[in-house]
Amino acid sequence: MNRISLRSLICFAALCMLFAALGINAAAQDILPLPQVGTPQIEGRFSASPDQVEPADLSPMISSTEFRWLDTGALRYKLVFTEVLTGIKHVQKVQTTHCNGTVCSFVFGNSPFFDTLSDDMQLTWKVVAIHEDSKVKSGIRTVTLNEVVQPTLDNPNSGANLGYTGTLSWTNANAINDYVRVVIVDPVTGAKALNQYVDAQSCSSICSITPRHFTGKLVIGKTYEWFVVAYGMTGEPARSETRTINIVP
């Protein structure tokens, strides 16, 4: 009887320990979080830097310059331009309609503050990616605004004769300049015999006009001075050198 009782007690104790262990494990399962199936993970893409693609650092910039940067999946972006000389900031908001999933882009000339800038101005620029609960900034690059290119007189040479069908020509920068003004002046009186505007987009690398088709003020036998003034997209002027012409029949 004693042996049977002892065995029974041992078995009973073992069963108690087993049940106790099972109970602890069950409680632990209630306390510890279980792995969730199908929970979306936040990709590193959403915290990546909107690195600049172009223009390169220290590049010249014109009205048609396209600023491009990596699309990091942000809700929207901001381009922040800072005038190097004054520290004045200009902020351009860019919606994701300007992005294609790989890169985003914005044409500088479409900014409302473009007309407030001047030729040869240096600007730094960076991109700010705006997410739901955070902002990520790119590095900083510098560009130099090139709003107007000085025209160079082509033909005729200074002192040449100009007949009725004779032309005046000059180099053109139609990607940067907006229009030019061709001026012929009487050097004695200072009176303008011609003040003709020409759309820079109407010709390619060389532009020309026949001045006597536009004015009747050129007097045969007189000598005049002529020059060309180019204007950038924001109205910045750049004047060429001055040459003389002799009016002949």
Protein backbone atom coordinates (compact mmCIF):
# COMPACT_ATOMS: atom_id res chain seq x y z
CA MET A 1 0.00 0.00 0.00
CA ASN A 2 2.80 2.41 0.84
CA ARG A 3 4.50 1.86 -2.51
CA ILE A 4 1.24 2.38 -4.42
CA SER A 5 0.48 5.54 -2.47
CA LEU A 6 3.97 6.88 -3.08
CA ARG A 7 3.68 6.21 -6.80
CA SER A 8 0.28 7.85 -6.86
CA LEU A 9 1.63 10.92 -5.13
CA ILE A 10 4.56 11.17 -7.55
CA CYS A 11 2.27 10.88 -10.58
CA PHE A 12 -0.11 13.42 -9.12
CA ALA A 13 2.74 15.88 -8.50
CA ALA A 14 4.04 15.43 -12.04
CA LEU A 15 0.60 16.10 -13.47
CA CYS A 16 0.28 19.25 -11.37
CA MET A 17 3.63 20.53 -12.62
CA LEU A 18 2.61 19.83 -16.24
CA PHE A 19 -0.70 21.66 -15.87
CA ALA A 20 1.06 24.57 -14.17
CA ALA A 21 3.53 24.85 -17.03
CA LEU A 22 0.72 24.78 -19.57
CA GLY A 23 -1.06 27.51 -17.67
CA ILE A 24 1.99 29.77 -17.67
CA ASN A 25 2.47 29.34 -21.40
CA ALA A 26 -1.18 30.18 -22.03
CA ALA A 27 -0.91 33.30 -19.91
CA ALA A 28 2.28 34.30 -21.68
CA GLN A 29 0.51 34.02 -25.00
CA ASP A 30 -2.17 36.40 -23.73
CA ILE A 31 0.45 38.95 -22.63
CA LEU A 32 3.02 38.84 -25.46
CA PRO A 33 2.03 40.40 -28.81
CA LEU A 34 1.46 37.89 -31.56
CA PRO A 35 2.94 38.50 -35.00
CA GLN A 36 0.36 40.09 -37.32
CA VAL A 37 -0.04 38.66 -40.78
CA GLY A 38 -0.20 41.06 -43.74
CA THR A 39 0.76 44.25 -41.88
CA PRO A 40 2.31 46.69 -44.41
CA GLN A 41 5.86 47.70 -43.69
CA ILE A 42 7.07 51.30 -44.08
CA GLU A 43 9.67 51.29 -46.81
CA GLY A 44 12.86 53.30 -46.50
CA ARG A 45 11.81 55.10 -49.72
CA PHE A 46 9.51 57.36 -47.71
CA SER A 47 12.35 58.73 -45.61
CA ALA A 48 14.90 58.94 -48.41
CA SER A 49 16.50 62.22 -49.38
CA PRO A 50 15.04 63.93 -52.47
CA ASP A 51 18.51 64.10 -54.04
CA GLN A 52 19.00 66.66 -56.80
CA VAL A 53 19.50 65.39 -60.35
CA GLU A 54 20.04 68.62 -62.28
CA PRO A 55 21.18 71.30 -62.81
CA ALA A 56 24.63 70.46 -61.54
CA ASP A 57 26.31 72.55 -58.89
CA LEU A 58 27.67 75.92 -60.14
CA SER A 59 25.70 75.65 -63.40
CA PRO A 60 24.31 78.65 -65.29
CA MET A 61 20.53 78.95 -65.17
CA ILE A 62 18.10 80.45 -67.68
CA SER A 63 14.32 80.79 -67.72
CA SER A 64 13.88 77.38 -69.36
CA THR A 65 16.15 75.54 -66.91
CA GLU A 66 14.42 72.43 -65.57
CA PHE A 67 15.12 71.51 -61.95
CA ARG A 68 14.92 67.74 -61.38
CA TRP A 69 15.19 65.61 -58.24
CA LEU A 70 14.41 62.08 -57.06
CA ASP A 71 10.76 61.31 -56.35
CA THR A 72 10.71 59.82 -52.84
CA GLY A 73 6.95 59.36 -52.60
CA ALA A 74 6.34 62.52 -50.58
CA LEU A 75 2.93 64.18 -50.37
CA ARG A 76 4.40 67.30 -51.98
CA TYR A 77 7.70 69.11 -52.42
CA LYS A 78 9.16 72.58 -52.01
CA LEU A 79 12.01 74.15 -53.94
CA VAL A 80 13.81 76.67 -51.77
CA PHE A 81 15.96 79.26 -53.57
CA THR A 82 18.16 81.61 -51.55
CA GLU A 83 19.88 84.70 -52.94
CA VAL A 84 23.53 84.34 -52.00
CA LEU A 85 24.14 88.09 -51.71
CA THR A 86 21.05 89.08 -49.69
CA GLY A 87 19.92 85.82 -48.06
CA ILE A 88 16.37 86.40 -49.36
CA LYS A 89 14.50 83.12 -49.78
CA HIS A 90 12.04 82.22 -52.52
CA VAL A 91 9.87 79.14 -52.03
CA GLN A 92 8.20 77.30 -54.88
CA LYS A 93 5.63 74.63 -53.96
CA VAL A 94 5.60 71.63 -56.29
CA GLN A 95 2.74 69.13 -56.37
CA THR A 96 3.22 65.47 -57.19
CA THR A 97 1.67 66.03 -60.62
CA HIS A 98 5.18 67.13 -61.56
CA CYS A 99 6.54 63.67 -60.61
CA ASN A 100 6.52 60.34 -62.43
CA GLY A 101 7.47 57.96 -59.62
CA THR A 102 11.17 58.25 -60.40
CA VAL A 103 11.95 61.95 -60.69
CA CYS A 104 10.17 65.27 -60.23
CA SER A 105 10.77 68.40 -62.28
CA PHE A 106 9.93 72.08 -62.40
CA VAL A 107 10.81 74.77 -64.97
CA PHE A 108 12.38 77.75 -63.24
CA GLY A 109 10.78 80.35 -65.52
CA ASN A 110 7.33 79.29 -64.27
CA SER A 111 8.08 80.62 -60.78
CA PRO A 112 6.20 83.84 -59.92
CA PHE A 113 9.36 85.33 -58.41
CA PHE A 114 11.42 84.84 -61.59
CA ASP A 115 10.73 88.43 -62.68
CA THR A 116 12.17 89.80 -59.42
CA LEU A 117 15.65 88.37 -60.08
CA SER A 118 18.47 89.97 -62.03
CA ASP A 119 21.21 88.81 -64.37
CA ASP A 120 24.36 87.23 -62.85
CA MET A 121 22.59 86.67 -59.51
CA GLN A 122 23.78 83.59 -57.61
CA LEU A 123 21.20 81.38 -55.93
CA THR A 124 21.44 78.27 -53.81
CA TRP A 125 18.66 75.70 -54.11
CA LYS A 126 17.46 72.66 -52.22
CA VAL A 127 14.46 70.36 -52.22
CA VAL A 128 12.22 69.70 -49.21
CA ALA A 129 10.12 66.51 -49.34
CA ILE A 130 7.02 66.85 -47.17
CA HIS A 131 5.52 63.67 -45.73
CA GLU A 132 2.52 63.24 -43.45
CA ASP A 133 4.55 63.57 -40.24
CA SER A 134 8.05 64.55 -41.37
CA LYS A 135 10.17 66.61 -43.77
CA VAL A 136 13.35 65.49 -45.53
CA LYS A 137 15.76 67.94 -47.15
CA SER A 138 18.18 67.44 -49.99
CA GLY A 139 21.68 68.85 -50.17
CA ILE A 140 22.39 72.37 -51.44
CA ARG A 141 23.61 73.42 -54.87
CA THR A 142 24.46 76.80 -56.37
CA VAL A 143 23.37 78.21 -59.75
CA THR A 144 24.03 81.52 -61.51
CA LEU A 145 21.16 83.27 -63.24
CA ASN A 146 21.88 84.06 -66.88
CA GLU A 147 18.95 86.15 -68.08
CA VAL A 148 20.40 87.91 -71.09
CA VAL A 149 23.25 87.39 -73.53
CA GLN A 150 25.02 90.39 -74.97
CA PRO A 151 24.54 90.47 -78.75
CA THR A 152 27.56 90.70 -81.04
CA LEU A 153 27.27 92.68 -84.26
CA ASP A 154 27.88 90.51 -87.32
CA ASN A 155 27.61 92.59 -90.53
CA PRO A 156 28.43 95.05 -91.92
CA ASN A 157 31.78 96.13 -90.55
CA SER A 158 32.07 99.59 -89.08
CA GLY A 159 32.35 102.29 -91.78
CA ALA A 160 30.70 100.16 -94.49
CA ASN A 161 28.18 101.48 -97.00
CA LEU A 162 24.54 100.49 -96.64
CA GLY A 163 22.33 100.55 -99.71
CA TYR A 164 18.56 100.31 -99.93
CA THR A 165 18.56 96.51 -99.67
CA GLY A 166 21.50 96.33 -97.27
CA THR A 167 21.02 94.40 -94.04
CA LEU A 168 22.23 94.65 -90.47
CA SER A 169 22.91 91.34 -88.67
CA TRP A 170 23.92 90.24 -85.18
CA THR A 171 24.35 87.07 -83.14
CA ASN A 172 21.26 85.82 -81.38
CA ALA A 173 20.67 83.77 -78.20
CA ASN A 174 17.04 82.82 -78.63
CA ALA A 175 17.15 80.28 -75.78
CA ILE A 176 17.88 83.06 -73.30
CA ASN A 177 17.00 86.44 -74.81
CA ASP A 178 13.38 87.44 -75.25
CA TYR A 179 13.69 90.18 -77.83
CA VAL A 180 16.16 92.73 -79.19
CA ARG A 181 16.02 96.39 -80.19
CA VAL A 182 17.94 97.59 -83.26
CA VAL A 183 18.86 101.25 -82.96
CA ILE A 184 20.27 103.61 -85.62
CA VAL A 185 21.24 107.04 -84.33
CA ASP A 186 22.33 110.29 -85.96
CA PRO A 187 25.65 110.92 -84.15
CA VAL A 188 25.36 114.68 -84.66
CA THR A 189 21.84 115.28 -83.33
CA GLY A 190 21.35 112.12 -81.26
CA ALA A 191 18.02 111.57 -83.02
CA LYS A 192 16.99 107.96 -83.61
CA ALA A 193 16.45 107.14 -87.25
CA LEU A 194 15.42 103.57 -86.34
CA ASN A 195 14.25 101.93 -83.11
CA GLN A 196 13.05 98.53 -84.28
CA TYR A 197 12.05 95.66 -81.98
CA VAL A 198 12.72 92.09 -83.12
CA ASP A 199 11.48 88.90 -81.43
CA ALA A 200 14.53 86.81 -80.52
CA GLN A 201 12.51 83.66 -81.16
CA SER A 202 11.90 84.67 -84.79
CA CYS A 203 15.45 83.81 -85.87
CA SER A 204 18.14 81.31 -84.96
CA SER A 205 21.82 81.99 -84.26
CA ILE A 206 21.98 85.04 -86.55
CA CYS A 207 19.27 87.69 -86.89
CA SER A 208 19.08 90.41 -89.52
CA ILE A 209 16.84 93.21 -90.80
CA THR A 210 16.82 95.55 -93.76
CA PRO A 211 16.59 98.92 -92.00
CA ARG A 212 15.45 100.97 -94.98
CA HIS A 213 12.36 98.75 -95.19
CA PHE A 214 11.36 100.00 -91.71
CA THR A 215 12.22 103.70 -91.81
CA GLY A 216 12.41 106.59 -94.25
CA LYS A 217 14.58 108.69 -91.94
CA LEU A 218 17.93 107.49 -93.25
CA VAL A 219 19.39 110.23 -95.44
CA ILE A 220 21.62 109.31 -98.35
CA GLY A 221 25.16 110.59 -97.86
CA LYS A 222 24.98 110.68 -94.07
CA THR A 223 26.83 108.52 -91.57
CA TYR A 224 24.93 106.87 -88.71
CA GLU A 225 25.77 104.75 -85.69
CA TRP A 226 23.97 101.49 -84.97
CA PHE A 227 23.84 98.98 -82.12
CA VAL A 228 21.59 96.23 -80.76
CA VAL A 229 20.14 95.89 -77.26
CA ALA A 230 19.03 92.41 -76.13
CA TYR A 231 16.48 91.89 -73.35
CA GLY A 232 16.18 88.81 -71.17
CA MET A 233 12.97 87.15 -70.04
CA THR A 234 12.74 89.51 -67.07
CA GLY A 235 13.66 92.62 -69.02
CA GLU A 236 17.37 92.70 -68.21
CA PRO A 237 19.17 94.60 -71.03
CA ALA A 238 22.56 93.95 -72.62
CA ARG A 239 23.93 96.25 -75.30
CA SER A 240 26.29 95.41 -78.15
CA GLU A 241 29.19 97.51 -79.36
CA THR A 242 28.49 100.44 -81.71
CA ARG A 243 29.38 100.57 -85.39
CA THR A 244 28.94 103.17 -88.14
CA ILE A 245 27.28 102.88 -91.55
CA ASN A 246 27.24 105.21 -94.54
CA ILE A 247 23.89 105.46 -96.32
CA VAL A 248 24.15 105.13 -100.10
CA PRO A 249 21.50 104.75 -102.82
